[in-house]
Amino acid sequence: MAKTPIFRVIFQNQGEVFEVYARQIFQSELWGFIEVEEFVFGERSQLLVDPSEEKLKAAFEGVKRSYIPLNTIIRIDEVEKEGTGKVSEAKGDNVRPFPVMPHIPSRD
């Protein structure tokens, strides 16, 4: 039986870079958004607590589906297994949003 793929989605939100793992991603019916479903979080270790991962779990607690704007997506990878999700500060000029053309309504 084929394994369900796992995707790593890295995106920018309010000056921070989020790295999340999910089983489902696809183009949304909402123009300009990616839908991310079935978030995967690492097993909680009783000895070591990562504050970044805890912040991420708290941010997505109770979220069934997330709509992420295309212009905030940095990278999407299909990975072999889930890693540790994290939230980090966007520093310097290393992270830039993907350039998109603005939507200009037609004059009818």
Protein backbone atom coordinates (compact mmCIF):
# COMPACT_ATOMS: atom_id res chain seq x y z
CA MET A 1 0.00 0.00 0.00
CA ALA A 2 1.35 3.43 -0.92
CA LYS A 3 2.32 5.78 1.87
CA THR A 4 0.44 9.04 2.22
CA PRO A 5 2.77 11.84 1.14
CA ILE A 6 3.86 14.45 3.66
CA PHE A 7 4.56 18.02 2.61
CA ARG A 8 6.74 20.64 4.27
CA VAL A 9 5.28 24.11 3.72
CA ILE A 10 7.44 27.13 4.55
CA PHE A 11 5.76 30.52 4.53
CA GLN A 12 6.14 33.99 5.98
CA ASN A 13 3.59 35.51 8.36
CA GLN A 14 3.89 38.81 10.26
CA GLY A 15 7.69 38.92 10.30
CA GLU A 16 8.11 35.23 11.15
CA VAL A 17 8.86 32.18 9.04
CA PHE A 18 6.60 29.18 9.69
CA GLU A 19 7.59 25.63 8.76
CA VAL A 20 4.67 23.21 8.98
CA TYR A 21 4.10 19.62 7.88
CA ALA A 22 0.81 18.46 6.37
CA ARG A 23 -0.65 15.52 4.50
CA GLN A 24 -2.81 17.53 2.10
CA ILE A 25 -2.06 20.71 0.14
CA PHE A 26 -3.81 21.99 -2.94
CA GLN A 27 -4.83 25.08 -4.89
CA SER A 28 -7.76 26.74 -3.17
CA GLU A 29 -10.99 27.80 -4.81
CA LEU A 30 -10.25 31.17 -3.21
CA TRP A 31 -8.12 32.97 -5.78
CA GLY A 32 -4.49 33.40 -4.67
CA PHE A 33 -4.49 30.89 -1.79
CA ILE A 34 -3.11 27.42 -1.05
CA GLU A 35 -5.15 25.14 1.23
CA VAL A 36 -3.23 23.15 3.82
CA GLU A 37 -5.00 20.31 5.67
CA GLU A 38 -4.17 17.46 8.05
CA PHE A 39 -1.31 19.12 9.91
CA VAL A 40 1.33 16.73 11.26
CA PHE A 41 3.17 17.54 14.46
CA GLY A 42 6.02 15.50 15.93
CA GLU A 43 5.43 13.33 18.95
CA ARG A 44 5.82 15.30 22.14
CA SER A 45 8.90 14.32 24.08
CA GLN A 46 8.54 14.36 27.84
CA LEU A 47 12.20 15.24 28.36
CA LEU A 48 12.74 18.00 25.81
CA VAL A 49 10.28 20.78 24.94
CA ASP A 50 11.01 22.96 21.91
CA PRO A 51 9.45 26.42 22.48
CA SER A 52 9.26 27.05 18.73
CA GLU A 53 7.30 23.85 18.11
CA GLU A 54 5.01 24.56 21.07
CA LYS A 55 4.27 28.03 19.65
CA LEU A 56 3.43 26.43 16.31
CA LYS A 57 1.13 23.85 17.91
CA ALA A 58 -0.66 26.59 19.83
CA ALA A 59 -1.08 28.68 16.67
CA PHE A 60 -2.67 25.77 14.75
CA GLU A 61 -4.56 24.15 17.63
CA GLY A 62 -8.09 23.30 16.49
CA VAL A 63 -7.37 24.34 12.87
CA LYS A 64 -8.90 21.95 10.36
CA ARG A 65 -7.77 23.78 7.21
CA SER A 66 -5.55 26.81 6.66
CA TYR A 67 -5.62 29.14 3.66
CA ILE A 68 -2.16 30.57 3.00
CA PRO A 69 -1.70 33.40 0.47
CA LEU A 70 0.47 32.42 -2.50
CA ASN A 71 2.66 35.48 -2.12
CA THR A 72 3.75 34.39 1.38
CA ILE A 73 4.82 30.87 0.33
CA ILE A 74 8.59 30.44 0.37
CA ARG A 75 8.80 26.74 -0.46
CA ILE A 76 6.77 23.52 -0.61
CA ASP A 77 8.55 20.14 -0.50
CA GLU A 78 7.28 16.56 -0.50
CA VAL A 79 9.32 14.79 2.18
CA GLU A 80 9.88 11.18 3.26
CA LYS A 81 8.78 11.76 6.86
CA GLU A 82 7.65 14.64 9.03
CA GLY A 83 10.21 16.74 10.81
CA THR A 84 9.91 19.23 13.61
CA GLY A 85 7.79 22.21 12.69
CA LYS A 86 9.12 25.55 13.78
CA VAL A 87 8.58 29.28 13.88
CA SER A 88 11.59 31.53 13.40
CA GLU A 89 12.16 35.22 12.95
CA ALA A 90 12.62 36.42 9.35
CA LYS A 91 16.05 38.03 9.40
CA GLY A 92 17.63 40.36 6.87
CA ASP A 93 17.18 40.02 3.14
CA ASN A 94 17.20 36.20 3.04
CA VAL A 95 13.42 35.92 2.81
CA ARG A 96 11.41 37.71 0.16
CA PRO A 97 7.80 37.13 -0.88
CA PHE A 98 7.19 35.62 -4.29
CA PRO A 99 6.47 38.45 -6.76
CA VAL A 100 2.95 38.43 -8.15
CA MET A 101 1.15 40.65 -10.59
CA PRO A 102 -1.62 42.68 -8.99
CA HIS A 103 -5.15 41.88 -10.09
CA ILE A 104 -6.48 44.77 -12.16
CA PRO A 105 -10.26 44.66 -12.71
CA SER A 106 -11.44 45.06 -16.27
CA ARG A 107 -13.26 48.23 -17.29
CA ASP A 108 -16.60 46.99 -18.59
